Amino acid sequence: MPKLDYAYSNPSSFAIGQTPYGTYDADSTFQDDIVSVTKWCAQRLGFPVLQLEIPSGSIYACFEESVTNTHNTSTTITLRIGCGNNMEKRTEYPVL
């Protein structure tokens, strides 16, 4: 495969199904945040001065995983300090 197949370009929008697990794909807040976080990450890596050879989908996967890990960690801490006796299982994108 040619190297340019993996060249990064700024995403203009997010479409459902572009993350590996699709946990938060239908959430509009997640859709807005994932585009801005992807652009921010690319800029921190040197884009547009440097050519990045990473597709947006790889950054999407990292963002989805980080949201899930952060949510799981905060839930665990809440339960350990005894504040989560009546917590319901959350399936929406957690706003932290």
Protein backbone atom coordinates (compact mmCIF):
# COMPACT_ATOMS: atom_id res chain seq x y z
CA MET A 1 0.00 0.00 0.00
CA PRO A 2 1.25 3.48 -0.79
CA LYS A 3 2.29 5.60 2.15
CA LEU A 4 -0.17 8.35 1.20
CA ASP A 5 -3.10 6.03 1.98
CA TYR A 6 -2.35 6.68 5.64
CA ALA A 7 -1.81 10.44 5.37
CA TYR A 8 -3.86 12.39 7.89
CA SER A 9 -6.35 15.05 6.88
CA ASN A 10 -8.49 17.10 9.26
CA PRO A 11 -11.95 15.56 9.69
CA SER A 12 -14.92 17.83 9.08
CA SER A 13 -17.45 15.61 10.82
CA PHE A 14 -17.83 12.25 12.53
CA ALA A 15 -20.01 9.46 11.18
CA ILE A 16 -21.45 6.64 13.25
CA GLY A 17 -19.37 3.49 12.90
CA GLN A 18 -15.93 5.07 12.74
CA THR A 19 -14.88 3.92 16.23
CA PRO A 20 -13.96 0.30 16.91
CA TYR A 21 -16.69 -0.45 19.49
CA GLY A 22 -19.28 2.24 18.78
CA THR A 23 -19.98 2.71 22.47
CA TYR A 24 -20.74 6.43 22.26
CA ASP A 25 -21.23 6.87 18.49
CA ALA A 26 -24.89 7.92 18.72
CA ASP A 27 -24.23 10.60 21.36
CA SER A 28 -24.14 14.10 19.82
CA THR A 29 -21.75 15.46 22.47
CA PHE A 30 -19.28 12.67 21.73
CA GLN A 31 -19.57 13.36 17.99
CA ASP A 32 -18.71 17.02 18.50
CA ASP A 33 -15.89 16.32 20.96
CA ILE A 34 -14.23 13.59 18.90
CA VAL A 35 -13.70 15.89 15.92
CA SER A 36 -12.20 18.69 18.02
CA VAL A 37 -9.99 16.28 20.01
CA THR A 38 -8.76 14.66 16.80
CA LYS A 39 -7.79 18.04 15.35
CA TRP A 40 -6.11 19.03 18.62
CA CYS A 41 -4.09 15.78 18.74
CA ALA A 42 -2.96 16.21 15.14
CA GLN A 43 -1.82 19.76 15.84
CA ARG A 44 0.12 18.60 18.90
CA LEU A 45 1.84 16.00 16.71
CA GLY A 46 2.91 18.70 14.22
CA PHE A 47 0.13 18.82 11.61
CA PRO A 48 0.00 20.70 9.19
CA VAL A 49 3.76 21.42 9.23
CA LEU A 50 4.54 17.70 9.37
CA GLN A 51 2.81 15.04 7.31
CA LEU A 52 1.17 12.59 9.71
CA GLU A 53 0.85 9.01 8.58
CA ILE A 54 -2.01 8.12 10.87
CA PRO A 55 -5.67 7.89 9.87
CA SER A 56 -8.30 9.75 11.88
CA GLY A 57 -9.80 6.40 12.85
CA SER A 58 -6.76 5.57 14.97
CA ILE A 59 -7.18 8.77 16.96
CA TYR A 60 -10.94 8.03 17.24
CA ALA A 61 -10.11 4.62 18.74
CA CYS A 62 -7.78 6.17 21.33
CA PHE A 63 -10.37 8.79 22.27
CA GLU A 64 -13.13 6.19 22.69
CA GLU A 65 -10.86 4.09 24.89
CA SER A 66 -9.78 7.06 27.01
CA VAL A 67 -13.40 8.14 27.63
CA THR A 68 -14.31 4.62 28.72
CA ASN A 69 -11.24 4.29 30.97
CA THR A 70 -11.85 7.68 32.59
CA HIS A 71 -15.49 6.84 33.21
CA ASN A 72 -14.61 3.45 34.70
CA THR A 73 -11.97 4.97 36.96
CA SER A 74 -14.25 7.72 38.25
CA THR A 75 -17.02 5.19 38.89
CA THR A 76 -14.63 2.93 40.81
CA ILE A 77 -13.40 5.81 42.96
CA THR A 78 -16.98 6.91 43.68
CA LEU A 79 -17.94 3.40 44.74
CA ARG A 80 -14.88 3.01 46.95
CA ILE A 81 -15.54 6.18 48.92
CA GLY A 82 -19.14 5.14 49.49
CA CYS A 83 -20.98 7.69 47.39
CA GLY A 84 -22.41 5.30 44.84
CA ASN A 85 -25.01 3.30 46.71
CA ASN A 86 -27.83 4.23 44.31
CA MET A 87 -25.87 4.58 41.09
CA GLU A 88 -27.47 3.43 37.86
CA LYS A 89 -25.51 1.95 34.98
CA ARG A 90 -24.70 4.75 32.52
CA THR A 91 -24.61 4.08 28.82
CA GLU A 92 -24.34 7.64 27.50
CA TYR A 93 -21.16 9.61 26.92
CA PRO A 94 -19.96 10.73 30.35
CA VAL A 95 -19.44 14.46 30.66
CA LEU A 96 -16.59 14.95 33.11
